[in-house]
Amino acid sequence: MFTEEREKVKTPEERNRAQREAATAPDKKPEAVSEEPLQDKDTQGQTGGEVSAGDQETSAGAENMTEAVSEEADVAALQDQLTALAAQLKVKEEEAVELQNRLLRLQADFENFRRRNTAERQELSTYVTIDVVNRFLQILDNFSRAEEAAAKATEVQSVVEGMNGIQKQFIKTLEDLGVTEIPAEGEKFDPHLHEAVMRGQNPELEDETIDMVFEKGYVLQEKVVRHSKVRVISNE
C-alpha cells in the first residue's frame, strides 16, 4: 500500500524514467507481435477486393488504346468514303464536260443546217421566180407582137382576136402555176373569199347574193391570193 501511495506522488518525470527502465530491463517480455502474415501490395489488393493504382493505370491505358484504334478506323473509313466520292465527282464532271461538248456540237450542226436550209430555200425561190418570169415573158412577147400587128391592121376584128388569144394564154399560164379564179357572180357571199365593197337591192335575188364583180379574185392551191371585190344584195 505504501508503494502504491509512493507511485501516486511521483512526478511525471519520474514516471517516464521508470517506464524507460522497465522497458530496458532484461526480464521484460517483448510486446506481442502480430502473427498476421505480411501480404504483397498486389496480393492485398486482390484479397481485399480493391484495385491497385497500377491495375487502374493499365486498364485506363487499354481503354485509351482501344479508343485510339477505333478513332483511326473511323478516320480510315471516312477517308475511303471521301476518296470514293471524289472519284464519283470526277466521273460526273467528265460526263458534264462530254454533255456540254455534245450540246455545242449539236448547236453548231443546227446552225449549219439552218443556214443551209435558208440558202436552199432562197435558191429554190429564185428558181421558181425564174420559171414564173419566163412564162410571163412569153405573154409579154405576144403583147409586143399584137401591138405591132394592131399598128398595121386595117380591121379592128383582127386586133380583138389577137388580144383574146393573149388573154387565153395568160389564163392558161396562171392555171399551170396553180392559180385559179374565185367564183363570185351569182354566188353566196363568203367573207373568206369575197370583199363586199357595195350593197344593193335586187328582188329577183336572195339576200347575201353577189350580183356584180368589180375585181376578180384568185386562189393559189386553196390559199387566197386576192379577194374578189363584189356587190352584195341586201333587200331588207
C-alpha atoms as a PDB file:
ATOM      1  CA  MET A   1       0.000   0.000   0.000  1.00  0.00           C
ATOM      2  CA  PHE A   2       2.896   2.257   0.770  1.00  0.00           C
ATOM      3  CA  THR A   3       4.299   1.503  -2.548  1.00  0.00           C
ATOM      4  CA  GLU A   4       1.070   2.468  -4.278  1.00  0.00           C
ATOM      5  CA  GLU A   5       0.955   5.736  -2.445  1.00  0.00           C
ATOM      6  CA  ARG A   6       4.520   6.371  -3.430  1.00  0.00           C
ATOM      7  CA  GLU A   7       3.683   5.744  -7.034  1.00  0.00           C
ATOM      8  CA  LYS A   8       0.885   8.264  -6.822  1.00  0.00           C
ATOM      9  CA  VAL A   9       3.214  11.037  -5.514  1.00  0.00           C
ATOM     10  CA  LYS A  10       5.788  10.557  -8.301  1.00  0.00           C
ATOM     11  CA  THR A  11       6.291  13.428 -10.642  1.00  0.00           C
ATOM     12  CA  PRO A  12       5.705  12.991 -14.358  1.00  0.00           C
ATOM     13  CA  GLU A  13       9.483  12.952 -14.990  1.00  0.00           C
ATOM     14  CA  GLU A  14       9.920  10.130 -12.517  1.00  0.00           C
ATOM     15  CA  ARG A  15       7.139   8.098 -14.040  1.00  0.00           C
ATOM     16  CA  ASN A  16       8.655   8.497 -17.559  1.00  0.00           C
ATOM     17  CA  ARG A  17      12.062   7.421 -16.272  1.00  0.00           C
ATOM     18  CA  ALA A  18      10.546   4.369 -14.541  1.00  0.00           C
ATOM     19  CA  GLN A  19       8.817   3.351 -17.751  1.00  0.00           C
ATOM     20  CA  ARG A  20      12.068   3.600 -19.700  1.00  0.00           C
ATOM     21  CA  GLU A  21      13.907   1.500 -17.198  1.00  0.00           C
ATOM     22  CA  ALA A  22      11.186  -1.119 -17.218  1.00  0.00           C
ATOM     23  CA  ALA A  23      11.365  -1.308 -20.974  1.00  0.00           C
ATOM     24  CA  THR A  24      15.145  -1.903 -20.913  1.00  0.00           C
ATOM     25  CA  ALA A  25      15.039  -4.469 -18.157  1.00  0.00           C
ATOM     26  CA  PRO A  26      16.366  -7.982 -19.285  1.00  0.00           C
ATOM     27  CA  ASP A  27      13.477  -9.875 -17.895  1.00  0.00           C
ATOM     28  CA  LYS A  28      10.946  -7.696 -19.712  1.00  0.00           C
ATOM     29  CA  LYS A  29       8.996  -9.673 -22.209  1.00  0.00           C
ATOM     30  CA  PRO A  30       8.757  -8.217 -25.712  1.00  0.00           C
ATOM     31  CA  GLU A  31       5.434  -6.983 -26.893  1.00  0.00           C
ATOM     32  CA  ALA A  32       3.336  -9.432 -28.798  1.00  0.00           C
ATOM     33  CA  VAL A  33       3.925  -9.277 -32.467  1.00  0.00           C
ATOM     34  CA  SER A  34       1.031  -9.734 -34.763  1.00  0.00           C
ATOM     35  CA  GLU A  35       1.043 -13.155 -36.268  1.00  0.00           C
ATOM     36  CA  GLU A  36      -0.752 -11.990 -39.394  1.00  0.00           C
ATOM     37  CA  PRO A  37       1.455 -12.697 -42.367  1.00  0.00           C
ATOM     38  CA  LEU A  38       2.615  -9.761 -44.410  1.00  0.00           C
ATOM     39  CA  GLN A  39       0.915  -9.597 -47.779  1.00  0.00           C
ATOM     40  CA  ASP A  40       2.209  -8.216 -51.016  1.00  0.00           C
ATOM     41  CA  LYS A  41       0.572  -4.998 -52.097  1.00  0.00           C
ATOM     42  CA  ASP A  42      -0.812  -6.623 -55.238  1.00  0.00           C
ATOM     43  CA  THR A  43      -1.966  -9.695 -53.234  1.00  0.00           C
ATOM     44  CA  GLN A  44      -3.500  -7.485 -50.603  1.00  0.00           C
ATOM     45  CA  GLY A  45      -5.364  -5.590 -53.261  1.00  0.00           C
ATOM     46  CA  GLN A  46      -6.667  -8.805 -54.748  1.00  0.00           C
ATOM     47  CA  THR A  47      -7.714 -10.429 -51.456  1.00  0.00           C
ATOM     48  CA  GLY A  48      -9.218  -7.235 -50.107  1.00  0.00           C
ATOM     49  CA  GLY A  49     -11.315  -6.641 -53.219  1.00  0.00           C
ATOM     50  CA  GLU A  50      -9.521  -3.362 -54.002  1.00  0.00           C
ATOM     51  CA  VAL A  51      -7.806  -2.490 -57.342  1.00  0.00           C
ATOM     52  CA  SER A  52      -4.317  -1.121 -57.073  1.00  0.00           C
ATOM     53  CA  ALA A  53      -3.181   2.085 -58.805  1.00  0.00           C
ATOM     54  CA  GLY A  54      -1.089   0.047 -61.282  1.00  0.00           C
ATOM     55  CA  ASP A  55      -4.081  -2.002 -62.322  1.00  0.00           C
ATOM     56  CA  GLN A  56      -6.109   1.160 -62.786  1.00  0.00           C
ATOM     57  CA  GLU A  57      -3.418   2.713 -64.952  1.00  0.00           C
ATOM     58  CA  THR A  58      -3.160  -0.480 -67.046  1.00  0.00           C
ATOM     59  CA  SER A  59      -6.930  -0.592 -67.538  1.00  0.00           C
ATOM     60  CA  ALA A  60      -7.081   3.112 -68.475  1.00  0.00           C
ATOM     61  CA  GLY A  61      -4.226   2.632 -70.945  1.00  0.00           C
ATOM     62  CA  ALA A  62      -6.018  -0.291 -72.582  1.00  0.00           C
ATOM     63  CA  GLU A  63      -9.206   1.727 -72.882  1.00  0.00           C
ATOM     64  CA  ASN A  64      -7.329   4.681 -74.383  1.00  0.00           C
ATOM     65  CA  MET A  65      -5.622   2.381 -76.881  1.00  0.00           C
ATOM     66  CA  THR A  66      -8.961   0.851 -77.855  1.00  0.00           C
ATOM     67  CA  GLU A  67     -10.462   4.290 -78.354  1.00  0.00           C
ATOM     68  CA  ALA A  68      -7.450   5.374 -80.410  1.00  0.00           C
ATOM     69  CA  VAL A  69      -7.736   2.291 -82.638  1.00  0.00           C
ATOM     70  CA  SER A  70     -11.460   2.914 -83.059  1.00  0.00           C
ATOM     71  CA  GLU A  71     -10.847   6.554 -83.985  1.00  0.00           C
ATOM     72  CA  GLU A  72      -8.164   5.520 -86.503  1.00  0.00           C
ATOM     73  CA  ALA A  73     -10.606   3.043 -88.050  1.00  0.00           C
ATOM     74  CA  ASP A  74     -13.276   5.745 -88.287  1.00  0.00           C
ATOM     75  CA  VAL A  75     -10.816   8.144 -89.896  1.00  0.00           C
ATOM     76  CA  ALA A  76      -9.707   5.481 -92.371  1.00  0.00           C
ATOM     77  CA  ALA A  77     -13.341   4.686 -93.256  1.00  0.00           C
ATOM     78  CA  LEU A  78     -14.084   8.387 -93.700  1.00  0.00           C
ATOM     79  CA  GLN A  79     -11.039   8.791 -95.938  1.00  0.00           C
ATOM     80  CA  ASP A  80     -12.216   5.839 -98.047  1.00  0.00           C
ATOM     81  CA  GLN A  81     -15.651   7.440 -98.387  1.00  0.00           C
ATOM     82  CA  LEU A  82     -14.102  10.761 -99.381  1.00  0.00           C
ATOM     83  CA  THR A  83     -11.901   9.014-101.937  1.00  0.00           C
ATOM     84  CA  ALA A  84     -14.924   7.217-103.416  1.00  0.00           C
ATOM     85  CA  LEU A  85     -16.918  10.456-103.528  1.00  0.00           C
ATOM     86  CA  ALA A  86     -14.026  12.259-105.179  1.00  0.00           C
ATOM     87  CA  ALA A  87     -13.853   9.522-107.834  1.00  0.00           C
ATOM     88  CA  GLN A  88     -17.607   9.768-108.445  1.00  0.00           C
ATOM     89  CA  LEU A  89     -17.366  13.554-108.658  1.00  0.00           C
ATOM     90  CA  LYS A  90     -14.580  13.275-111.221  1.00  0.00           C
ATOM     91  CA  VAL A  91     -16.691  10.896-113.321  1.00  0.00           C
ATOM     92  CA  LYS A  92     -19.678  13.255-113.121  1.00  0.00           C
ATOM     93  CA  GLU A  93     -17.503  16.210-114.108  1.00  0.00           C
ATOM     94  CA  GLU A  94     -16.200  14.287-117.115  1.00  0.00           C
ATOM     95  CA  GLU A  95     -19.762  13.372-118.093  1.00  0.00           C
ATOM     96  CA  ALA A  96     -20.836  17.010-117.733  1.00  0.00           C
ATOM     97  CA  VAL A  97     -17.962  18.145-119.952  1.00  0.00           C
ATOM     98  CA  GLU A  98     -18.881  15.500-122.539  1.00  0.00           C
ATOM     99  CA  LEU A  99     -22.539  16.572-122.492  1.00  0.00           C
ATOM    100  CA  GLN A 100     -21.537  20.203-122.868  1.00  0.00           C
ATOM    101  CA  ASN A 101     -19.331  19.339-125.831  1.00  0.00           C
ATOM    102  CA  ARG A 102     -22.169  17.352-127.410  1.00  0.00           C
ATOM    103  CA  LEU A 103     -24.530  20.272-126.880  1.00  0.00           C
ATOM    104  CA  LEU A 104     -22.071  22.645-128.519  1.00  0.00           C
ATOM    105  CA  ARG A 105     -21.703  20.278-131.471  1.00  0.00           C
ATOM    106  CA  LEU A 106     -25.482  19.964-131.799  1.00  0.00           C
ATOM    107  CA  GLN A 107     -25.859  23.735-131.703  1.00  0.00           C
ATOM    108  CA  ALA A 108     -23.200  24.097-134.377  1.00  0.00           C
ATOM    109  CA  ASP A 109     -24.848  21.402-136.510  1.00  0.00           C
ATOM    110  CA  PHE A 110     -28.263  23.058-136.120  1.00  0.00           C
ATOM    111  CA  GLU A 111     -26.841  26.448-137.052  1.00  0.00           C
ATOM    112  CA  ASN A 112     -25.203  24.960-140.130  1.00  0.00           C
ATOM    113  CA  PHE A 113     -28.463  23.192-141.022  1.00  0.00           C
ATOM    114  CA  ARG A 114     -30.423  26.431-140.613  1.00  0.00           C
ATOM    115  CA  ARG A 115     -28.008  28.285-142.854  1.00  0.00           C
ATOM    116  CA  ARG A 116     -28.094  25.548-145.489  1.00  0.00           C
ATOM    117  CA  ASN A 117     -31.891  25.403-145.301  1.00  0.00           C
ATOM    118  CA  THR A 118     -32.176  29.175-145.668  1.00  0.00           C
ATOM    119  CA  ALA A 119     -29.780  29.151-148.601  1.00  0.00           C
ATOM    120  CA  GLU A 120     -31.625  26.261-150.255  1.00  0.00           C
ATOM    121  CA  ARG A 121     -34.990  27.970-149.792  1.00  0.00           C
ATOM    122  CA  GLN A 122     -33.646  31.169-151.284  1.00  0.00           C
ATOM    123  CA  GLU A 123     -32.172  29.234-154.167  1.00  0.00           C
ATOM    124  CA  LEU A 124     -35.449  27.339-154.702  1.00  0.00           C
ATOM    125  CA  SER A 125     -37.424  30.579-154.537  1.00  0.00           C
ATOM    126  CA  THR A 126     -35.103  32.042-157.145  1.00  0.00           C
ATOM    127  CA  TYR A 127     -35.642  29.064-159.448  1.00  0.00           C
ATOM    128  CA  VAL A 128     -39.424  29.282-159.004  1.00  0.00           C
ATOM    129  CA  THR A 129     -39.370  33.003-159.703  1.00  0.00           C
ATOM    130  CA  ILE A 130     -37.269  32.452-162.804  1.00  0.00           C
ATOM    131  CA  ASP A 131     -39.751  29.848-164.076  1.00  0.00           C
ATOM    132  CA  VAL A 132     -42.725  32.172-163.472  1.00  0.00           C
ATOM    133  CA  VAL A 133     -40.967  35.111-165.093  1.00  0.00           C
ATOM    134  CA  ASN A 134     -40.138  33.037-168.155  1.00  0.00           C
ATOM    135  CA  ARG A 135     -43.804  32.080-168.523  1.00  0.00           C
ATOM    136  CA  PHE A 136     -44.971  35.683-168.404  1.00  0.00           C
ATOM    137  CA  LEU A 137     -42.174  36.868-170.650  1.00  0.00           C
ATOM    138  CA  GLN A 138     -43.739  34.761-173.379  1.00  0.00           C
ATOM    139  CA  ILE A 139     -47.024  36.606-172.823  1.00  0.00           C
ATOM    140  CA  LEU A 140     -45.175  39.909-172.928  1.00  0.00           C
ATOM    141  CA  ASP A 141     -43.634  38.915-176.241  1.00  0.00           C
ATOM    142  CA  ASN A 142     -47.128  38.188-177.597  1.00  0.00           C
ATOM    143  CA  PHE A 143     -48.302  41.623-176.413  1.00  0.00           C
ATOM    144  CA  SER A 144     -45.436  43.202-178.310  1.00  0.00           C
ATOM    145  CA  ARG A 145     -46.295  41.301-181.478  1.00  0.00           C
ATOM    146  CA  ALA A 146     -50.011  42.159-181.072  1.00  0.00           C
ATOM    147  CA  GLU A 147     -49.101  45.837-180.727  1.00  0.00           C
ATOM    148  CA  GLU A 148     -47.097  45.737-183.950  1.00  0.00           C
ATOM    149  CA  ALA A 149     -49.943  43.921-185.740  1.00  0.00           C
ATOM    150  CA  ALA A 150     -52.533  46.440-184.452  1.00  0.00           C
ATOM    151  CA  ALA A 151     -50.457  49.286-185.857  1.00  0.00           C
ATOM    152  CA  LYS A 152     -50.602  47.730-189.306  1.00  0.00           C
ATOM    153  CA  ALA A 153     -54.132  46.243-189.111  1.00  0.00           C
ATOM    154  CA  THR A 154     -56.896  47.628-191.255  1.00  0.00           C
ATOM    155  CA  GLU A 155     -59.645  45.819-189.355  1.00  0.00           C
ATOM    156  CA  VAL A 156     -60.430  46.077-185.664  1.00  0.00           C
ATOM    157  CA  GLN A 157     -61.658  42.497-185.508  1.00  0.00           C
ATOM    158  CA  SER A 158     -58.197  41.095-186.116  1.00  0.00           C
ATOM    159  CA  VAL A 159     -56.859  43.176-183.237  1.00  0.00           C
ATOM    160  CA  VAL A 160     -59.615  41.944-180.921  1.00  0.00           C
ATOM    161  CA  GLU A 161     -58.941  38.350-181.867  1.00  0.00           C
ATOM    162  CA  GLY A 162     -55.241  38.811-181.120  1.00  0.00           C
ATOM    163  CA  MET A 163     -55.995  40.272-177.674  1.00  0.00           C
ATOM    164  CA  ASN A 164     -58.358  37.393-176.909  1.00  0.00           C
ATOM    165  CA  GLY A 165     -55.608  34.936-177.762  1.00  0.00           C
ATOM    166  CA  ILE A 166     -53.194  36.675-175.403  1.00  0.00           C
ATOM    167  CA  GLN A 167     -55.774  36.644-172.606  1.00  0.00           C
ATOM    168  CA  LYS A 168     -56.331  32.916-173.019  1.00  0.00           C
ATOM    169  CA  GLN A 169     -52.581  32.360-172.926  1.00  0.00           C
ATOM    170  CA  PHE A 170     -52.371  34.433-169.735  1.00  0.00           C
ATOM    171  CA  ILE A 171     -55.161  32.464-168.035  1.00  0.00           C
ATOM    172  CA  LYS A 172     -53.569  29.170-169.100  1.00  0.00           C
ATOM    173  CA  THR A 173     -50.246  30.259-167.609  1.00  0.00           C
ATOM    174  CA  LEU A 174     -51.925  31.104-164.302  1.00  0.00           C
ATOM    175  CA  GLU A 175     -53.676  27.721-164.236  1.00  0.00           C
ATOM    176  CA  ASP A 176     -50.354  25.958-164.882  1.00  0.00           C
ATOM    177  CA  LEU A 177     -48.987  27.759-161.835  1.00  0.00           C
ATOM    178  CA  GLY A 178     -51.977  26.610-159.745  1.00  0.00           C
ATOM    179  CA  VAL A 179     -53.733  29.985-159.749  1.00  0.00           C
ATOM    180  CA  THR A 180     -57.489  29.866-160.393  1.00  0.00           C
ATOM    181  CA  GLU A 181     -60.252  32.462-160.415  1.00  0.00           C
ATOM    182  CA  ILE A 182     -62.614  32.677-157.426  1.00  0.00           C
ATOM    183  CA  PRO A 183     -66.287  32.150-158.446  1.00  0.00           C
ATOM    184  CA  ALA A 184     -68.232  35.243-157.431  1.00  0.00           C
ATOM    185  CA  GLU A 185     -71.178  36.450-159.587  1.00  0.00           C
ATOM    186  CA  GLY A 186     -74.388  34.646-158.593  1.00  0.00           C
ATOM    187  CA  GLU A 187     -72.676  33.005-155.591  1.00  0.00           C
ATOM    188  CA  LYS A 188     -73.450  33.451-151.915  1.00  0.00           C
ATOM    189  CA  PHE A 189     -71.207  35.958-150.210  1.00  0.00           C
ATOM    190  CA  ASP A 190     -68.262  34.309-148.425  1.00  0.00           C
ATOM    191  CA  PRO A 191     -66.080  36.679-146.354  1.00  0.00           C
ATOM    192  CA  HIS A 192     -63.175  34.224-146.704  1.00  0.00           C
ATOM    193  CA  LEU A 193     -63.219  34.649-150.500  1.00  0.00           C
ATOM    194  CA  HIS A 194     -65.066  37.880-151.204  1.00  0.00           C
ATOM    195  CA  GLU A 195     -64.791  41.506-150.164  1.00  0.00           C
ATOM    196  CA  ALA A 196     -68.082  43.421-150.153  1.00  0.00           C
ATOM    197  CA  VAL A 197     -67.393  46.945-151.377  1.00  0.00           C
ATOM    198  CA  MET A 198     -71.057  47.771-152.023  1.00  0.00           C
ATOM    199  CA  ARG A 199     -74.545  46.617-151.074  1.00  0.00           C
ATOM    200  CA  GLY A 200     -77.566  46.796-153.371  1.00  0.00           C
ATOM    201  CA  GLN A 201     -81.142  45.624-153.788  1.00  0.00           C
ATOM    202  CA  ASN A 202     -82.480  43.162-156.316  1.00  0.00           C
ATOM    203  CA  PRO A 203     -85.851  41.483-155.610  1.00  0.00           C
ATOM    204  CA  GLU A 204     -85.012  38.706-158.044  1.00  0.00           C
ATOM    205  CA  LEU A 205     -82.037  37.581-155.945  1.00  0.00           C
ATOM    206  CA  GLU A 206     -81.813  36.340-152.375  1.00  0.00           C
ATOM    207  CA  ASP A 207     -80.098  38.342-149.707  1.00  0.00           C
ATOM    208  CA  GLU A 208     -76.323  37.903-149.416  1.00  0.00           C
ATOM    209  CA  THR A 209     -76.095  37.001-153.089  1.00  0.00           C
ATOM    210  CA  ILE A 210     -73.358  38.575-155.247  1.00  0.00           C
ATOM    211  CA  ASP A 211     -74.763  40.292-158.341  1.00  0.00           C
ATOM    212  CA  MET A 212     -71.745  42.248-159.521  1.00  0.00           C
ATOM    213  CA  VAL A 213     -67.933  41.749-159.562  1.00  0.00           C
ATOM    214  CA  PHE A 214     -65.701  44.816-159.616  1.00  0.00           C
ATOM    215  CA  GLU A 215     -62.386  42.973-159.411  1.00  0.00           C
ATOM    216  CA  LYS A 216     -61.763  39.280-159.857  1.00  0.00           C
ATOM    217  CA  GLY A 217     -60.140  37.296-157.064  1.00  0.00           C
ATOM    218  CA  TYR A 218     -57.758  34.353-157.318  1.00  0.00           C
ATOM    219  CA  VAL A 219     -56.551  31.482-155.145  1.00  0.00           C
ATOM    220  CA  LEU A 220     -53.281  29.575-155.271  1.00  0.00           C
ATOM    221  CA  GLN A 221     -53.890  25.962-154.255  1.00  0.00           C
ATOM    222  CA  GLU A 222     -56.796  26.983-151.957  1.00  0.00           C
ATOM    223  CA  LYS A 223     -54.881  29.907-150.488  1.00  0.00           C
ATOM    224  CA  VAL A 224     -56.388  33.286-151.310  1.00  0.00           C
ATOM    225  CA  VAL A 225     -54.073  35.447-153.405  1.00  0.00           C
ATOM    226  CA  ARG A 226     -56.598  38.252-153.796  1.00  0.00           C
ATOM    227  CA  HIS A 227     -60.232  38.580-152.617  1.00  0.00           C
ATOM    228  CA  SER A 228     -62.942  39.287-155.164  1.00  0.00           C
ATOM    229  CA  LYS A 229     -64.367  42.809-154.791  1.00  0.00           C
ATOM    230  CA  VAL A 230     -68.133  42.478-155.174  1.00  0.00           C
ATOM    231  CA  ARG A 231     -71.575  43.987-154.593  1.00  0.00           C
ATOM    232  CA  VAL A 232     -73.868  42.036-152.229  1.00  0.00           C
ATOM    233  CA  ILE A 233     -77.671  42.021-152.323  1.00  0.00           C
ATOM    234  CA  SER A 234     -79.455  43.262-149.202  1.00  0.00           C
ATOM    235  CA  ASN A 235     -83.200  43.695-149.879  1.00  0.00           C
ATOM    236  CA  GLU A 236     -84.279  44.464-146.333  1.00  0.00           C
END
